[in-house]
Every structure is written in structure tokens, then in C-alpha cells.
């Protein structure tokens, strides 16, 4: 592990020290922050959902191999684009890995240009994902401003209920529902009802 930069990082997981070190040198010389691990378990010990960047992952390793790590990361909902490193005989496995969510695979021996191109594209995808998740968090934060009663009204708005239907369901007056609706629109900064519904769904509500 060579770098603890908080920015986008290229993580390298390969049990072959020579390959691992050559990748670290290449990537650091190109200005990338790099963290290297000699095993899948070593990487998992420091993995968290907050990591952003991309992962260069060797398929064949003792203990937990690259495919097993890929599956575990997919289950945990990782946001890291994963580039599989494969030998010639592992190509069918690498193709299978892409069907399971891997971003790309590099067949040994690979050139520096191929590595750098794949890493560049993976980081771009990762940054887009980071931006998308930040947007979702920003939208969700708006809904956290709502009171419990406003959330109850919102839930029924998302279900498509009218103000009169919401009033009957919650046993309050239609006028009170309208007041709640206006406050919901104001607090969430929604421009229209359809905009509000899309935002609620984006935030995982409804």
C-alpha cells in the first residue's frame, strides 16, 4: 500500500510482486494515486463503500482469487469499476467476469498504453458514478427536512392519491393536505408534482 490520497485511486490487487510493482511505478509516473495489495483478503480488510477510483484485479491468486473477490464486491454494492488482469488461458473466465459486472479485462502481456487507456476510461466511469451518488444524496437530504406528517402525505402523493383521498386516508381535512403539499414542494424544491415523484423515487422513497 503506497498512497493514502483521498482522491480517486487506482487499486492494484496482484500476488505477483514484479507485476504489482511495475503497475504501481507506471501509474504513479502518470500522476495517479495508487494503493497496492498482494492478496484479495488484504484489499478486503481495507475496503469500504467510500472508496472511489478503480481496481486492477488479477484473476489467479492463492486463497481468494479475483473472481471470488469480484463476486463479493458485487454483493456489497461496490462503486469501483473493476479491470480484470488475465493470462491467455483465463480469457473465457475474464469474459464471464465482464458478464458479472467487471468493467474490462487486460490479457497478459499487455502494453502500457492498453493499461493506461483502460484505467482512464474506468476512472471516468467511476467519477460519473460518484457524481450520480452525490446527486442522490443531495436529493435525499431535501426529504429529510420533512416532518413525519409531511412524509405521510408525500408517500400517498407518490402513490398517486388526490388530496381528497389523502385526507380520507389520514383523517384530516383536504385543506390541511393542501398546506402539507405546499410545504413539501417548498422543502424539496420540486417544481411540479411529476418532478416531486421522480425525486422521491430517486431518493428511494415510495
Protein backbone atom coordinates (compact mmCIF):
# COMPACT_ATOMS: atom_id res chain seq x y z
CA UNK A 1 0.00 0.00 0.00
CA UNK A 2 1.75 3.14 -1.19
CA UNK A 3 -0.68 6.01 -1.26
CA UNK A 4 -3.45 7.25 1.03
CA UNK A 5 -4.73 10.07 -1.15
CA UNK A 6 -8.42 10.88 -0.56
CA UNK A 7 -8.98 11.42 -4.30
CA UNK A 8 -9.69 8.82 -6.99
CA UNK A 9 -7.25 5.97 -6.53
CA UNK A 10 -6.14 3.05 -8.69
CA UNK A 11 -6.15 -0.06 -6.51
CA UNK A 12 -3.92 -2.92 -7.65
CA UNK A 13 -4.50 -6.44 -6.33
CA UNK A 14 -1.97 -8.98 -7.62
CA UNK A 15 0.06 -11.61 -5.80
CA UNK A 16 2.91 -11.32 -8.34
CA UNK A 17 5.28 -8.77 -6.81
CA UNK A 18 7.01 -7.95 -10.10
CA UNK A 19 3.71 -7.27 -11.90
CA UNK A 20 2.33 -5.37 -8.94
CA UNK A 21 5.39 -3.13 -8.60
CA UNK A 22 5.59 -2.44 -12.33
CA UNK A 23 1.94 -1.37 -12.38
CA UNK A 24 2.46 0.89 -9.37
CA UNK A 25 5.50 2.57 -10.95
CA UNK A 26 3.75 3.04 -14.30
CA UNK A 27 0.61 4.52 -12.77
CA UNK A 28 2.39 6.74 -10.25
CA UNK A 29 4.64 8.09 -13.01
CA UNK A 30 1.47 9.11 -14.84
CA UNK A 31 0.27 11.01 -11.78
CA UNK A 32 -2.25 8.52 -10.42
CA UNK A 33 -2.69 7.81 -6.73
CA UNK A 34 -2.07 4.08 -6.29
CA UNK A 35 -2.62 1.56 -3.50
CA UNK A 36 -1.31 -1.98 -4.00
CA UNK A 37 -2.21 -5.24 -2.26
CA UNK A 38 -0.72 -8.70 -2.61
CA UNK A 39 -3.98 -10.54 -1.85
CA UNK A 40 -7.74 -10.23 -2.15
CA UNK A 41 -8.10 -10.56 1.61
CA UNK A 42 -5.65 -7.72 2.15
CA UNK A 43 -7.74 -5.47 -0.07
CA UNK A 44 -11.00 -6.50 1.59
CA UNK A 45 -9.57 -5.68 5.00
CA UNK A 46 -9.39 -2.02 3.97
CA UNK A 47 -12.33 -1.89 1.57
CA UNK A 48 -15.24 0.43 2.25
CA UNK A 49 -18.14 1.82 0.26
CA UNK A 50 -16.46 5.26 0.35
CA UNK A 51 -13.54 4.16 -1.84
CA UNK A 52 -13.56 5.71 -5.28
CA UNK A 53 -11.34 5.18 -8.27
CA UNK A 54 -10.90 1.81 -9.99
CA UNK A 55 -9.49 -1.64 -9.27
CA UNK A 56 -6.93 -3.64 -11.26
CA UNK A 57 -7.57 -7.22 -10.15
CA UNK A 58 -5.63 -10.35 -11.05
CA UNK A 59 -7.81 -13.41 -11.66
CA UNK A 60 -5.41 -16.11 -10.47
CA UNK A 61 -4.24 -15.69 -6.89
CA UNK A 62 -3.79 -18.11 -3.98
CA UNK A 63 -6.55 -18.12 -1.40
CA UNK A 64 -9.38 -15.91 -2.59
CA UNK A 65 -8.94 -15.44 -6.33
CA UNK A 66 -10.01 -12.50 -8.45
CA UNK A 67 -13.37 -13.99 -9.43
CA UNK A 68 -14.30 -14.62 -5.81
CA UNK A 69 -13.35 -11.04 -4.90
CA UNK A 70 -15.36 -9.70 -7.85
CA UNK A 71 -18.44 -11.58 -6.67
CA UNK A 72 -18.03 -10.40 -3.09
CA UNK A 73 -17.60 -6.77 -4.16
CA UNK A 74 -20.64 -7.03 -6.43
CA UNK A 75 -22.68 -8.33 -3.49
CA UNK A 76 -21.51 -5.46 -1.31
CA UNK A 77 -22.54 -2.94 -3.97
CA UNK A 78 -19.10 -1.53 -4.71
CA UNK A 79 -18.87 1.53 -6.93
CA UNK A 80 -15.35 0.70 -8.14
CA UNK A 81 -15.04 -0.18 -11.84
CA UNK A 82 -13.04 -3.42 -11.87
CA UNK A 83 -10.46 -4.27 -14.52
CA UNK A 84 -9.55 -7.97 -14.54
CA UNK A 85 -5.94 -8.98 -15.26
CA UNK A 86 -5.81 -12.32 -17.03
CA UNK A 87 -3.44 -14.80 -18.65
CA UNK A 88 -4.25 -16.26 -22.06
CA UNK A 89 -5.89 -19.34 -20.57
CA UNK A 90 -8.14 -17.22 -18.37
CA UNK A 91 -9.82 -15.26 -21.18
CA UNK A 92 -13.12 -17.23 -21.03
CA UNK A 93 -13.16 -16.60 -17.28
CA UNK A 94 -12.46 -12.91 -17.84
CA UNK A 95 -15.35 -12.69 -20.32
CA UNK A 96 -17.57 -14.33 -17.71
CA UNK A 97 -16.34 -11.74 -15.22
CA UNK A 98 -17.49 -8.94 -17.51
CA UNK A 99 -20.96 -10.50 -17.61
CA UNK A 100 -20.83 -10.36 -13.81
CA UNK A 101 -20.03 -6.66 -13.77
CA UNK A 102 -16.31 -6.27 -14.46
CA UNK A 103 -15.53 -3.13 -16.44
CA UNK A 104 -12.76 -4.56 -18.65
CA UNK A 105 -10.09 -7.24 -18.81
CA UNK A 106 -6.43 -6.99 -19.78
CA UNK A 107 -4.73 -10.04 -21.24
CA UNK A 108 -1.08 -10.61 -20.36
CA UNK A 109 1.29 -9.50 -21.71
CA UNK A 110 -0.25 -6.05 -22.00
CA UNK A 111 1.29 -2.78 -23.15
CA UNK A 112 1.47 0.38 -21.08
CA UNK A 113 -0.87 2.14 -23.48
CA UNK A 114 -3.54 -0.54 -23.05
CA UNK A 115 -3.31 -0.32 -19.25
CA UNK A 116 -3.46 3.47 -19.20
CA UNK A 117 -6.36 3.60 -21.64
CA UNK A 118 -8.40 1.13 -19.59
CA UNK A 119 -7.62 2.90 -16.30
CA UNK A 120 -8.52 6.30 -17.79
CA UNK A 121 -11.87 5.02 -19.02
CA UNK A 122 -12.59 3.23 -15.74
CA UNK A 123 -11.87 6.36 -13.69
CA UNK A 124 -14.17 8.40 -15.92
CA UNK A 125 -16.95 5.89 -15.30
CA UNK A 126 -16.17 5.94 -11.59
CA UNK A 127 -16.35 9.74 -11.45
CA UNK A 128 -19.72 9.70 -13.20
CA UNK A 129 -20.91 7.20 -10.61
CA UNK A 130 -19.61 9.38 -7.79
CA UNK A 131 -21.46 12.38 -9.22
CA UNK A 132 -24.66 10.37 -9.57
CA UNK A 133 -24.46 9.14 -5.97
CA UNK A 134 -23.74 12.68 -4.74
CA UNK A 135 -26.84 13.89 -6.60
CA UNK A 136 -28.95 11.18 -4.96
CA UNK A 137 -27.62 12.13 -1.51
CA UNK A 138 -28.43 15.79 -2.18
CA UNK A 139 -32.00 14.92 -3.17
CA UNK A 140 -32.42 12.61 -0.17
CA UNK A 141 -31.24 15.41 2.14
CA UNK A 142 -34.14 17.58 0.97
CA UNK A 143 -36.65 14.94 2.01
CA UNK A 144 -35.05 14.72 5.44
CA UNK A 145 -36.42 18.22 6.07
CA UNK A 146 -39.99 16.87 6.07
CA UNK A 147 -41.96 16.27 9.25
CA UNK A 148 -43.46 12.86 9.94
CA UNK A 149 -46.89 14.08 8.81
CA UNK A 150 -45.45 15.57 5.63
CA UNK A 151 -43.77 12.24 4.90
CA UNK A 152 -47.13 10.51 5.29
CA UNK A 153 -48.68 12.91 2.81
CA UNK A 154 -45.71 12.55 0.47
CA UNK A 155 -45.94 8.75 0.48
CA UNK A 156 -49.53 8.96 -0.66
CA UNK A 157 -48.79 11.61 -3.26
CA UNK A 158 -46.19 9.26 -4.74
CA UNK A 159 -48.84 6.53 -4.79
CA UNK A 160 -50.95 8.84 -6.95
CA UNK A 161 -53.63 9.75 -4.43
CA UNK A 162 -55.54 13.00 -4.76
CA UNK A 163 -55.75 15.49 -1.90
CA UNK A 164 -59.26 14.29 -1.05
CA UNK A 165 -58.12 10.66 -0.99
CA UNK A 166 -55.15 11.55 1.21
CA UNK A 167 -57.42 13.49 3.54
CA UNK A 168 -59.75 10.50 3.96
CA UNK A 169 -56.82 8.11 4.44
CA UNK A 170 -55.13 10.26 7.10
CA UNK A 171 -58.41 11.53 8.58
CA UNK A 172 -57.52 15.18 8.11
CA UNK A 173 -59.15 17.94 6.07
CA UNK A 174 -58.39 18.47 2.36
CA UNK A 175 -57.28 21.99 3.25
CA UNK A 176 -54.69 20.59 5.69
CA UNK A 177 -53.46 18.23 2.97
CA UNK A 178 -53.02 21.17 0.60
CA UNK A 179 -50.97 23.01 3.22
CA UNK A 180 -48.77 19.96 3.68
CA UNK A 181 -48.39 19.58 -0.09
CA UNK A 182 -47.26 23.20 -0.41
CA UNK A 183 -44.69 22.74 2.35
CA UNK A 184 -43.45 19.52 0.79
CA UNK A 185 -42.96 21.24 -2.57
CA UNK A 186 -41.13 24.11 -0.88
CA UNK A 187 -38.84 21.95 1.27
CA UNK A 188 -37.90 19.55 -1.52
CA UNK A 189 -37.56 22.37 -4.09
CA UNK A 190 -39.74 20.38 -6.50
CA UNK A 191 -41.10 22.40 -9.42
CA UNK A 192 -44.04 20.16 -10.30
CA UNK A 193 -45.79 17.10 -8.95
CA UNK A 194 -44.09 14.89 -11.55
CA UNK A 195 -40.74 16.38 -10.56
CA UNK A 196 -41.52 15.60 -6.91
CA UNK A 197 -42.41 12.00 -7.73
CA UNK A 198 -39.20 11.49 -9.73
CA UNK A 199 -37.14 13.00 -6.91
CA UNK A 200 -38.82 10.77 -4.32
CA UNK A 201 -38.15 7.67 -6.40
CA UNK A 202 -34.54 8.77 -6.96
CA UNK A 203 -34.13 9.14 -3.19
CA UNK A 204 -35.51 5.63 -2.70
CA UNK A 205 -38.85 6.75 -1.32
CA UNK A 206 -42.23 5.45 -2.38
